[in-house]
Amino acid sequence: MAEFIHVVCPSCGAVNRLPTARAAQKPNCGTCHKPLFPGKPAAADAGSFDRHLSRGDIPVVADFWAPWCGPCLAMAPAYERAAAELEPRYRFLKVSTEEEPALAARYNIRSIPTMILFVGGRPVAQTAGAMDMRGIVSWVESRRPAT
């Protein structure tokens, strides 16, 4: 395992170099001093999304959703609880397909909600449809990258 990891702050976007052992100790961003792992998904636009994928060392789980989508809204609390359970091993992002249609098109999102797991900046698994918290955790963990 790496001695240090790079963690993108979900609040300000700063890249923090963090000793691996400190990730579980609720570290704060060196720039904005907000928690690096707030225990909830971060809203992502195209720029912050790309920054998390290209500069962060943590696998990213992205939920592509829309504010008019009933199943998306129903899944949101479960997705938030899954984020609280799985951080700091994973970064959870929410991408509005209404606000970021080009990002949704880049990943060929055809139905929502759709979750994609990214490892090393590349998509490694994708699923569509609402899930409960246990389903989300199980889906993510069953696709955990080898360390």
N, C-alpha and C. Protein backbone atom coordinates (compact mmCIF):
# COMPACT_ATOMS: atom_id res chain seq x y z
N MET A 1 0.85 -1.19 0.00
CA MET A 1 0.00 0.00 0.00
C MET A 1 0.89 1.24 0.00
N ALA A 2 0.41 2.26 -0.69
CA ALA A 2 1.18 3.49 -0.80
C ALA A 2 1.30 4.17 0.57
N GLU A 3 2.42 4.81 0.76
CA GLU A 3 2.67 5.53 2.00
C GLU A 3 1.82 6.80 2.07
N PHE A 4 1.59 7.42 0.92
CA PHE A 4 0.78 8.63 0.83
C PHE A 4 -0.28 8.45 -0.26
N ILE A 5 -1.40 9.12 -0.08
CA ILE A 5 -2.43 9.16 -1.12
C ILE A 5 -2.77 10.62 -1.40
N HIS A 6 -3.27 10.86 -2.59
CA HIS A 6 -3.74 12.19 -2.95
C HIS A 6 -5.26 12.19 -2.83
N VAL A 7 -5.78 13.16 -2.11
CA VAL A 7 -7.21 13.27 -1.86
C VAL A 7 -7.66 14.64 -2.31
N VAL A 8 -8.65 14.67 -3.20
CA VAL A 8 -9.22 15.93 -3.67
C VAL A 8 -10.28 16.37 -2.66
N CYS A 9 -10.18 17.61 -2.21
CA CYS A 9 -11.15 18.14 -1.25
C CYS A 9 -12.50 18.30 -1.95
N PRO A 10 -13.57 17.76 -1.36
CA PRO A 10 -14.88 17.91 -1.98
C PRO A 10 -15.45 19.32 -1.86
N SER A 11 -14.86 20.14 -1.01
CA SER A 11 -15.34 21.51 -0.81
C SER A 11 -14.65 22.52 -1.74
N CYS A 12 -13.32 22.48 -1.78
CA CYS A 12 -12.59 23.51 -2.54
C CYS A 12 -11.83 22.96 -3.74
N GLY A 13 -11.68 21.65 -3.84
CA GLY A 13 -10.98 21.05 -4.97
C GLY A 13 -9.47 20.96 -4.83
N ALA A 14 -8.94 21.41 -3.70
CA ALA A 14 -7.49 21.32 -3.49
C ALA A 14 -7.07 19.85 -3.39
N VAL A 15 -5.90 19.54 -3.90
CA VAL A 15 -5.37 18.19 -3.80
C VAL A 15 -4.50 18.13 -2.55
N ASN A 16 -4.83 17.23 -1.66
CA ASN A 16 -4.11 17.07 -0.40
C ASN A 16 -3.29 15.79 -0.45
N ARG A 17 -2.03 15.87 -0.09
CA ARG A 17 -1.16 14.69 0.03
C ARG A 17 -1.27 14.24 1.48
N LEU A 18 -1.76 13.04 1.66
CA LEU A 18 -2.14 12.58 2.99
C LEU A 18 -1.47 11.24 3.29
N PRO A 19 -0.86 11.10 4.47
CA PRO A 19 -0.37 9.77 4.84
C PRO A 19 -1.55 8.79 4.82
N THR A 20 -1.36 7.64 4.23
CA THR A 20 -2.44 6.67 4.08
C THR A 20 -3.11 6.37 5.41
N ALA A 21 -2.36 6.23 6.46
CA ALA A 21 -2.92 5.90 7.77
C ALA A 21 -3.83 7.00 8.31
N ARG A 22 -3.66 8.25 7.84
CA ARG A 22 -4.47 9.36 8.36
C ARG A 22 -5.85 9.45 7.73
N ALA A 23 -6.08 8.75 6.62
CA ALA A 23 -7.35 8.86 5.92
C ALA A 23 -8.53 8.52 6.82
N ALA A 24 -8.37 7.56 7.70
CA ALA A 24 -9.46 7.14 8.59
C ALA A 24 -9.58 8.02 9.84
N GLN A 25 -8.74 9.01 9.98
CA GLN A 25 -8.73 9.85 11.19
C GLN A 25 -9.46 11.18 11.01
N LYS A 26 -10.38 11.24 10.05
CA LYS A 26 -11.17 12.45 9.78
C LYS A 26 -10.31 13.68 9.52
N PRO A 27 -9.42 13.60 8.53
CA PRO A 27 -8.54 14.74 8.24
C PRO A 27 -9.30 15.90 7.59
N ASN A 28 -8.75 17.08 7.74
CA ASN A 28 -9.29 18.27 7.10
C ASN A 28 -8.40 18.70 5.96
N CYS A 29 -8.97 19.46 5.03
CA CYS A 29 -8.23 19.99 3.89
C CYS A 29 -7.20 21.00 4.38
N GLY A 30 -6.02 20.94 3.80
CA GLY A 30 -4.97 21.89 4.16
C GLY A 30 -5.24 23.29 3.65
N THR A 31 -6.14 23.44 2.69
CA THR A 31 -6.44 24.75 2.11
C THR A 31 -7.66 25.40 2.76
N CYS A 32 -8.81 24.71 2.73
CA CYS A 32 -10.05 25.31 3.26
C CYS A 32 -10.39 24.85 4.67
N HIS A 33 -9.69 23.84 5.18
CA HIS A 33 -9.84 23.32 6.53
C HIS A 33 -11.18 22.62 6.77
N LYS A 34 -11.90 22.29 5.71
CA LYS A 34 -13.14 21.52 5.84
C LYS A 34 -12.79 20.04 5.76
N PRO A 35 -13.67 19.16 6.25
CA PRO A 35 -13.37 17.73 6.24
C PRO A 35 -13.14 17.19 4.82
N LEU A 36 -12.10 16.36 4.68
CA LEU A 36 -11.85 15.72 3.39
C LEU A 36 -12.84 14.59 3.14
N PHE A 37 -13.38 14.04 4.21
CA PHE A 37 -14.36 12.96 4.12
C PHE A 37 -15.56 13.32 4.97
N PRO A 38 -16.50 14.10 4.41
CA PRO A 38 -17.63 14.59 5.20
C PRO A 38 -18.71 13.54 5.45
N GLY A 39 -18.56 12.34 4.90
CA GLY A 39 -19.55 11.30 5.12
C GLY A 39 -20.81 11.48 4.30
N LYS A 40 -20.71 12.24 3.23
CA LYS A 40 -21.85 12.41 2.32
C LYS A 40 -21.31 12.67 0.92
N PRO A 41 -22.13 12.39 -0.10
CA PRO A 41 -21.68 12.63 -1.47
C PRO A 41 -21.46 14.11 -1.74
N ALA A 42 -20.53 14.39 -2.64
CA ALA A 42 -20.26 15.76 -3.06
C ALA A 42 -20.87 15.99 -4.43
N ALA A 43 -21.55 17.12 -4.60
CA ALA A 43 -22.06 17.48 -5.91
C ALA A 43 -20.87 17.78 -6.81
N ALA A 44 -20.92 17.30 -8.05
CA ALA A 44 -19.79 17.47 -8.94
C ALA A 44 -20.23 18.05 -10.28
N ASP A 45 -19.53 19.09 -10.71
CA ASP A 45 -19.69 19.57 -12.07
C ASP A 45 -18.57 18.91 -12.89
N ALA A 46 -18.50 19.20 -14.18
CA ALA A 46 -17.52 18.54 -15.04
C ALA A 46 -16.09 18.76 -14.56
N GLY A 47 -15.79 19.97 -14.12
CA GLY A 47 -14.43 20.27 -13.67
C GLY A 47 -14.05 19.53 -12.41
N SER A 48 -14.91 19.56 -11.40
CA SER A 48 -14.57 18.87 -10.15
C SER A 48 -14.59 17.35 -10.35
N PHE A 49 -15.50 16.86 -11.18
CA PHE A 49 -15.55 15.43 -11.48
C PHE A 49 -14.22 14.98 -12.08
N ASP A 50 -13.76 15.68 -13.10
CA ASP A 50 -12.50 15.32 -13.75
C ASP A 50 -11.32 15.44 -12.79
N ARG A 51 -11.37 16.41 -11.90
CA ARG A 51 -10.29 16.59 -10.92
C ARG A 51 -10.23 15.39 -9.96
N HIS A 52 -11.39 14.95 -9.49
CA HIS A 52 -11.42 13.78 -8.59
C HIS A 52 -10.87 12.54 -9.30
N LEU A 53 -11.23 12.37 -10.57
CA LEU A 53 -10.76 11.18 -11.31
C LEU A 53 -9.28 11.26 -11.64
N SER A 54 -8.80 12.43 -12.02
CA SER A 54 -7.41 12.53 -12.49
C SER A 54 -6.40 12.79 -11.38
N ARG A 55 -6.80 13.41 -10.30
CA ARG A 55 -5.84 13.80 -9.26
C ARG A 55 -5.96 13.01 -7.97
N GLY A 56 -7.12 12.39 -7.73
CA GLY A 56 -7.31 11.64 -6.49
C GLY A 56 -6.91 10.19 -6.65
N ASP A 57 -6.45 9.59 -5.57
CA ASP A 57 -6.04 8.19 -5.57
C ASP A 57 -7.12 7.25 -5.05
N ILE A 58 -8.25 7.79 -4.65
CA ILE A 58 -9.33 7.01 -4.06
C ILE A 58 -10.33 6.63 -5.15
N PRO A 59 -10.79 5.37 -5.17
CA PRO A 59 -11.84 5.02 -6.13
C PRO A 59 -13.06 5.93 -5.96
N VAL A 60 -13.69 6.26 -7.07
CA VAL A 60 -14.83 7.18 -7.08
C VAL A 60 -16.09 6.43 -7.48
N VAL A 61 -17.16 6.64 -6.70
CA VAL A 61 -18.48 6.14 -7.05
C VAL A 61 -19.30 7.36 -7.44
N ALA A 62 -19.77 7.38 -8.70
CA ALA A 62 -20.54 8.52 -9.19
C ALA A 62 -21.98 8.11 -9.43
N ASP A 63 -22.89 8.91 -8.91
CA ASP A 63 -24.33 8.72 -9.12
C ASP A 63 -24.78 9.76 -10.13
N PHE A 64 -25.20 9.31 -11.32
CA PHE A 64 -25.75 10.20 -12.34
C PHE A 64 -27.26 10.23 -12.12
N TRP A 65 -27.81 11.41 -11.89
CA TRP A 65 -29.20 11.55 -11.48
C TRP A 65 -29.79 12.83 -12.08
N ALA A 66 -31.07 13.05 -11.83
CA ALA A 66 -31.73 14.30 -12.23
C ALA A 66 -32.77 14.66 -11.17
N PRO A 67 -33.01 15.96 -10.97
CA PRO A 67 -33.94 16.39 -9.92
C PRO A 67 -35.39 16.01 -10.19
N TRP A 68 -35.77 15.70 -11.41
CA TRP A 68 -37.14 15.31 -11.74
C TRP A 68 -37.36 13.80 -11.67
N CYS A 69 -36.31 13.04 -11.42
CA CYS A 69 -36.35 11.58 -11.45
C CYS A 69 -36.77 11.01 -10.09
N GLY A 70 -37.96 10.42 -10.03
CA GLY A 70 -38.46 9.85 -8.78
C GLY A 70 -37.55 8.79 -8.18
N PRO A 71 -37.11 7.78 -8.97
CA PRO A 71 -36.20 6.78 -8.41
C PRO A 71 -34.88 7.38 -7.92
N CYS A 72 -34.40 8.43 -8.61
CA CYS A 72 -33.16 9.10 -8.18
C CYS A 72 -33.35 9.72 -6.80
N LEU A 73 -34.48 10.41 -6.63
CA LEU A 73 -34.76 11.06 -5.35
C LEU A 73 -34.98 10.03 -4.26
N ALA A 74 -35.61 8.91 -4.61
CA ALA A 74 -35.84 7.86 -3.62
C ALA A 74 -34.52 7.21 -3.18
N MET A 75 -33.56 7.10 -4.11
CA MET A 75 -32.29 6.47 -3.79
C MET A 75 -31.32 7.40 -3.06
N ALA A 76 -31.53 8.71 -3.15
CA ALA A 76 -30.58 9.68 -2.59
C ALA A 76 -30.24 9.44 -1.12
N PRO A 77 -31.21 9.20 -0.23
CA PRO A 77 -30.83 8.96 1.18
C PRO A 77 -30.00 7.69 1.35
N ALA A 78 -30.30 6.65 0.58
CA ALA A 78 -29.52 5.41 0.67
C ALA A 78 -28.10 5.64 0.16
N TYR A 79 -27.96 6.42 -0.89
CA TYR A 79 -26.64 6.74 -1.44
C TYR A 79 -25.83 7.53 -0.42
N GLU A 80 -26.49 8.45 0.28
CA GLU A 80 -25.81 9.23 1.31
C GLU A 80 -25.36 8.34 2.47
N ARG A 81 -26.20 7.40 2.90
CA ARG A 81 -25.81 6.48 3.98
C ARG A 81 -24.66 5.57 3.53
N ALA A 82 -24.68 5.14 2.27
CA ALA A 82 -23.59 4.31 1.75
C ALA A 82 -22.28 5.10 1.75
N ALA A 83 -22.36 6.38 1.39
CA ALA A 83 -21.15 7.22 1.42
C ALA A 83 -20.60 7.31 2.84
N ALA A 84 -21.47 7.49 3.81
CA ALA A 84 -21.02 7.59 5.20
C ALA A 84 -20.35 6.29 5.64
N GLU A 85 -20.84 5.17 5.16
CA GLU A 85 -20.28 3.88 5.55
C GLU A 85 -18.96 3.57 4.84
N LEU A 86 -18.84 3.95 3.58
CA LEU A 86 -17.68 3.52 2.79
C LEU A 86 -16.54 4.53 2.72
N GLU A 87 -16.77 5.79 3.11
CA GLU A 87 -15.64 6.72 3.16
C GLU A 87 -14.75 6.33 4.32
N PRO A 88 -13.46 6.47 4.24
CA PRO A 88 -12.64 7.13 3.22
C PRO A 88 -12.12 6.20 2.12
N ARG A 89 -12.61 4.96 2.07
CA ARG A 89 -12.10 4.04 1.05
C ARG A 89 -12.58 4.40 -0.35
N TYR A 90 -13.69 5.13 -0.43
CA TYR A 90 -14.27 5.55 -1.71
C TYR A 90 -14.70 7.00 -1.60
N ARG A 91 -14.66 7.71 -2.71
CA ARG A 91 -15.22 9.06 -2.80
C ARG A 91 -16.56 8.94 -3.53
N PHE A 92 -17.61 9.51 -2.95
CA PHE A 92 -18.94 9.49 -3.55
C PHE A 92 -19.26 10.85 -4.15
N LEU A 93 -19.63 10.85 -5.43
CA LEU A 93 -19.99 12.07 -6.13
C LEU A 93 -21.40 11.94 -6.70
N LYS A 94 -22.08 13.07 -6.82
CA LYS A 94 -23.39 13.14 -7.47
C LYS A 94 -23.27 14.07 -8.67
N VAL A 95 -23.68 13.57 -9.84
CA VAL A 95 -23.60 14.34 -11.07
C VAL A 95 -25.02 14.51 -11.61
N SER A 96 -25.47 15.74 -11.67
CA SER A 96 -26.79 16.03 -12.24
C SER A 96 -26.71 15.98 -13.76
N THR A 97 -27.48 15.08 -14.36
CA THR A 97 -27.48 14.97 -15.82
C THR A 97 -28.14 16.19 -16.46
N GLU A 98 -28.94 16.92 -15.69
CA GLU A 98 -29.55 18.15 -16.18
C GLU A 98 -28.52 19.27 -16.29
N GLU A 99 -27.63 19.35 -15.30
CA GLU A 99 -26.62 20.40 -15.26
C GLU A 99 -25.37 20.03 -16.05
N GLU A 100 -25.12 18.74 -16.21
CA GLU A 100 -23.91 18.27 -16.89
C GLU A 100 -24.25 17.25 -17.98
N PRO A 101 -25.02 17.66 -19.01
CA PRO A 101 -25.39 16.70 -20.05
C PRO A 101 -24.20 16.16 -20.84
N ALA A 102 -23.16 16.95 -21.01
CA ALA A 102 -21.99 16.47 -21.75
C ALA A 102 -21.27 15.37 -20.97
N LEU A 103 -21.24 15.49 -19.66
CA LEU A 103 -20.62 14.47 -18.82
C LEU A 103 -21.43 13.17 -18.88
N ALA A 104 -22.75 13.31 -18.84
CA ALA A 104 -23.61 12.13 -18.97
C ALA A 104 -23.42 11.47 -20.33
N ALA A 105 -23.28 12.27 -21.37
CA ALA A 105 -23.08 11.74 -22.72
C ALA A 105 -21.72 11.04 -22.82
N ARG A 106 -20.71 11.60 -22.17
CA ARG A 106 -19.36 11.00 -22.21
C ARG A 106 -19.39 9.56 -21.71
N TYR A 107 -20.22 9.28 -20.70
CA TYR A 107 -20.30 7.94 -20.12
C TYR A 107 -21.53 7.18 -20.61
N ASN A 108 -22.16 7.68 -21.67
CA ASN A 108 -23.25 6.99 -22.32
C ASN A 108 -24.38 6.65 -21.34
N ILE A 109 -24.73 7.61 -20.50
CA ILE A 109 -25.81 7.41 -19.53
C ILE A 109 -27.13 7.41 -20.29
N ARG A 110 -27.86 6.31 -20.22
CA ARG A 110 -29.12 6.17 -20.95
C ARG A 110 -30.32 6.12 -20.01
N SER A 111 -30.10 5.76 -18.77
CA SER A 111 -31.20 5.76 -17.79
C SER A 111 -30.61 6.21 -16.45
N ILE A 112 -31.48 6.75 -15.63
CA ILE A 112 -31.04 7.22 -14.32
C ILE A 112 -31.97 6.67 -13.25
N PRO A 113 -31.47 6.47 -12.06
CA PRO A 113 -30.08 6.69 -11.65
C PRO A 113 -29.14 5.62 -12.23
N THR A 114 -27.93 6.06 -12.53
CA THR A 114 -26.86 5.16 -12.94
C THR A 114 -25.65 5.45 -12.05
N MET A 115 -25.07 4.39 -11.52
CA MET A 115 -23.84 4.52 -10.73
C MET A 115 -22.69 3.92 -11.54
N ILE A 116 -21.56 4.61 -11.48
CA ILE A 116 -20.34 4.11 -12.11
C ILE A 116 -19.23 4.13 -11.06
N LEU A 117 -18.48 3.04 -10.98
CA LEU A 117 -17.30 2.97 -10.12
C LEU A 117 -16.08 3.21 -10.99
N PHE A 118 -15.27 4.19 -10.58
CA PHE A 118 -14.04 4.54 -11.29
C PHE A 118 -12.85 4.17 -10.41
N VAL A 119 -11.87 3.54 -11.00
CA VAL A 119 -10.62 3.21 -10.31
C VAL A 119 -9.49 3.70 -11.21
N GLY A 120 -8.60 4.49 -10.65
CA GLY A 120 -7.50 5.03 -11.44
C GLY A 120 -8.01 5.91 -12.57
N GLY A 121 -9.16 6.56 -12.35
CA GLY A 121 -9.73 7.45 -13.34
C GLY A 121 -10.51 6.77 -14.46
N ARG A 122 -10.60 5.45 -14.42
CA ARG A 122 -11.29 4.70 -15.48
C ARG A 122 -12.52 3.98 -14.92
N PRO A 123 -13.59 3.94 -15.71
CA PRO A 123 -14.77 3.21 -15.25
C PRO A 123 -14.50 1.70 -15.24
N VAL A 124 -14.83 1.04 -14.12
CA VAL A 124 -14.62 -0.40 -14.00
C VAL A 124 -15.93 -1.16 -13.80
N ALA A 125 -17.00 -0.47 -13.42
CA ALA A 125 -18.30 -1.11 -13.23
C ALA A 125 -19.39 -0.06 -13.35
N GLN A 126 -20.55 -0.49 -13.84
CA GLN A 126 -21.67 0.43 -14.01
C GLN A 126 -22.96 -0.34 -13.77
N THR A 127 -23.93 0.33 -13.14
CA THR A 127 -25.24 -0.26 -12.91
C THR A 127 -26.29 0.83 -12.98
N ALA A 128 -27.46 0.47 -13.47
CA ALA A 128 -28.57 1.42 -13.56
C ALA A 128 -29.72 0.92 -12.68
N GLY A 129 -30.48 1.87 -12.16
CA GLY A 129 -31.63 1.54 -11.32
C GLY A 129 -31.37 1.87 -9.87
N ALA A 130 -32.45 2.20 -9.17
CA ALA A 130 -32.35 2.57 -7.76
C ALA A 130 -32.04 1.34 -6.91
N MET A 131 -31.27 1.57 -5.86
CA MET A 131 -30.92 0.52 -4.89
C MET A 131 -31.11 1.08 -3.49
N ASP A 132 -31.26 0.17 -2.54
CA ASP A 132 -31.25 0.59 -1.15
C ASP A 132 -29.80 0.66 -0.68
N MET A 133 -29.60 1.10 0.53
CA MET A 133 -28.24 1.30 1.06
C MET A 133 -27.42 0.02 1.03
N ARG A 134 -27.98 -1.08 1.49
CA ARG A 134 -27.26 -2.36 1.50
C ARG A 134 -26.89 -2.78 0.07
N GLY A 135 -27.79 -2.55 -0.88
CA GLY A 135 -27.52 -2.89 -2.27
C GLY A 135 -26.36 -2.08 -2.83
N ILE A 136 -26.35 -0.79 -2.51
CA ILE A 136 -25.26 0.08 -2.97
C ILE A 136 -23.93 -0.37 -2.39
N VAL A 137 -23.90 -0.57 -1.07
CA VAL A 137 -22.66 -1.00 -0.41
C VAL A 137 -22.19 -2.33 -0.98
N SER A 138 -23.10 -3.27 -1.15
CA SER A 138 -22.75 -4.58 -1.68
C SER A 138 -22.21 -4.47 -3.10
N TRP A 139 -22.87 -3.65 -3.93
CA TRP A 139 -22.42 -3.48 -5.31
C TRP A 139 -21.01 -2.89 -5.35
N VAL A 140 -20.77 -1.85 -4.57
CA VAL A 140 -19.45 -1.20 -4.55
C VAL A 140 -18.39 -2.16 -4.02
N GLU A 141 -18.66 -2.78 -2.89
CA GLU A 141 -17.67 -3.65 -2.25
C GLU A 141 -17.35 -4.87 -3.11
N SER A 142 -18.33 -5.39 -3.84
CA SER A 142 -18.08 -6.58 -4.67
C SER A 142 -17.20 -6.24 -5.87
N ARG A 143 -17.03 -4.96 -6.15
CA ARG A 143 -16.18 -4.54 -7.25
C ARG A 143 -14.93 -3.82 -6.77
N ARG A 144 -14.64 -3.98 -5.49
CA ARG A 144 -13.49 -3.31 -4.89
C ARG A 144 -12.21 -3.72 -5.61
N PRO A 145 -11.39 -2.73 -5.94
CA PRO A 145 -10.14 -3.06 -6.62
C PRO A 145 -9.18 -3.78 -5.68
N ALA A 146 -8.39 -4.67 -6.23
CA ALA A 146 -7.37 -5.35 -5.45
C ALA A 146 -6.33 -4.33 -5.01
N THR A 147 -5.90 -4.42 -3.75
CA THR A 147 -4.90 -3.47 -3.23
C THR A 147 -3.58 -4.15 -2.99
